[in-house]
Amino acid sequence: MRAGTGEAVAGKRARHAEPKHVAIIMDGNGRWAQARGKPRLFGHHAGAHRVRE
């Protein structure tokens, strides 16, 4: 990264209140289900449902 670019990017972000993109990392849903004696797919479905709520 070139010197000074960090300040320019930080200033640009401050002007935009809402992000254009959001990423959700869904990690652990399969392990959560297995710990409860359910198939991993059950955890994936439960995680997707929770994100939509």
C-alpha atoms as a PDB file:
ATOM      1  CA  MET A   1       0.000   0.000   0.000  1.00  0.00           C
ATOM      2  CA  ARG A   2       1.311   3.433  -0.865  1.00  0.00           C
ATOM      3  CA  ALA A   3       1.824   6.071   1.811  1.00  0.00           C
ATOM      4  CA  GLY A   4      -1.261   8.166   2.411  1.00  0.00           C
ATOM      5  CA  THR A   5      -3.791   5.823   0.807  1.00  0.00           C
ATOM      6  CA  GLY A   6      -5.108   4.617   4.160  1.00  0.00           C
ATOM      7  CA  GLU A   7      -6.208   8.094   5.149  1.00  0.00           C
ATOM      8  CA  ALA A   8      -7.952   8.635   1.810  1.00  0.00           C
ATOM      9  CA  VAL A   9      -9.866   5.376   2.119  1.00  0.00           C
ATOM     10  CA  ALA A  10     -10.837   6.056   5.738  1.00  0.00           C
ATOM     11  CA  GLY A  11     -12.121   9.516   4.800  1.00  0.00           C
ATOM     12  CA  LYS A  12     -14.162   8.092   1.932  1.00  0.00           C
ATOM     13  CA  ARG A  13     -15.833   5.538   4.200  1.00  0.00           C
ATOM     14  CA  ALA A  14     -16.858   8.219   6.674  1.00  0.00           C
ATOM     15  CA  ARG A  15     -19.020   9.914   4.013  1.00  0.00           C
ATOM     16  CA  HIS A  16     -21.023   6.749   3.276  1.00  0.00           C
ATOM     17  CA  ALA A  17     -23.211   5.727   6.202  1.00  0.00           C
ATOM     18  CA  GLU A  18     -24.261   2.341   4.792  1.00  0.00           C
ATOM     19  CA  PRO A  19     -22.003  -0.265   3.197  1.00  0.00           C
ATOM     20  CA  LYS A  20     -22.758  -1.382  -0.352  1.00  0.00           C
ATOM     21  CA  HIS A  21     -21.923  -5.019   0.380  1.00  0.00           C
ATOM     22  CA  VAL A  22     -22.027  -7.193   3.491  1.00  0.00           C
ATOM     23  CA  ALA A  23     -20.467 -10.639   3.854  1.00  0.00           C
ATOM     24  CA  ILE A  24     -21.678 -13.199   6.366  1.00  0.00           C
ATOM     25  CA  ILE A  25     -19.338 -16.061   7.209  1.00  0.00           C
ATOM     26  CA  MET A  26     -21.468 -18.977   8.286  1.00  0.00           C
ATOM     27  CA  ASP A  27     -19.048 -21.098  10.247  1.00  0.00           C
ATOM     28  CA  GLY A  28     -19.969 -23.762  12.764  1.00  0.00           C
ATOM     29  CA  ASN A  29     -23.519 -24.619  11.729  1.00  0.00           C
ATOM     30  CA  GLY A  30     -22.602 -28.212  10.896  1.00  0.00           C
ATOM     31  CA  ARG A  31     -20.711 -28.660  14.180  1.00  0.00           C
ATOM     32  CA  TRP A  32     -23.628 -27.103  16.079  1.00  0.00           C
ATOM     33  CA  ALA A  33     -26.020 -29.667  14.583  1.00  0.00           C
ATOM     34  CA  GLN A  34     -23.688 -32.618  15.166  1.00  0.00           C
ATOM     35  CA  ALA A  35     -23.292 -31.637  18.828  1.00  0.00           C
ATOM     36  CA  ARG A  36     -27.081 -31.960  19.111  1.00  0.00           C
ATOM     37  CA  GLY A  37     -27.199 -35.353  17.381  1.00  0.00           C
ATOM     38  CA  LYS A  38     -28.571 -33.940  14.118  1.00  0.00           C
ATOM     39  CA  PRO A  39     -27.149 -34.234  10.595  1.00  0.00           C
ATOM     40  CA  ARG A  40     -24.818 -31.453   9.431  1.00  0.00           C
ATOM     41  CA  LEU A  41     -27.350 -30.399   6.793  1.00  0.00           C
ATOM     42  CA  PHE A  42     -29.825 -29.602   9.591  1.00  0.00           C
ATOM     43  CA  GLY A  43     -27.319 -27.092  10.940  1.00  0.00           C
ATOM     44  CA  HIS A  44     -26.812 -25.502   7.541  1.00  0.00           C
ATOM     45  CA  HIS A  45     -30.566 -25.045   7.123  1.00  0.00           C
ATOM     46  CA  ALA A  46     -30.908 -23.641  10.644  1.00  0.00           C
ATOM     47  CA  GLY A  47     -28.073 -21.177  10.010  1.00  0.00           C
ATOM     48  CA  ALA A  48     -29.611 -19.966   6.751  1.00  0.00           C
ATOM     49  CA  HIS A  49     -32.963 -19.512   8.496  1.00  0.00           C
ATOM     50  CA  ARG A  50     -31.333 -17.495  11.283  1.00  0.00           C
ATOM     51  CA  VAL A  51     -29.635 -15.153   8.807  1.00  0.00           C
ATOM     52  CA  ARG A  52     -32.978 -14.439   7.138  1.00  0.00           C
ATOM     53  CA  GLU A  53     -34.581 -13.528  10.484  1.00  0.00           C
END
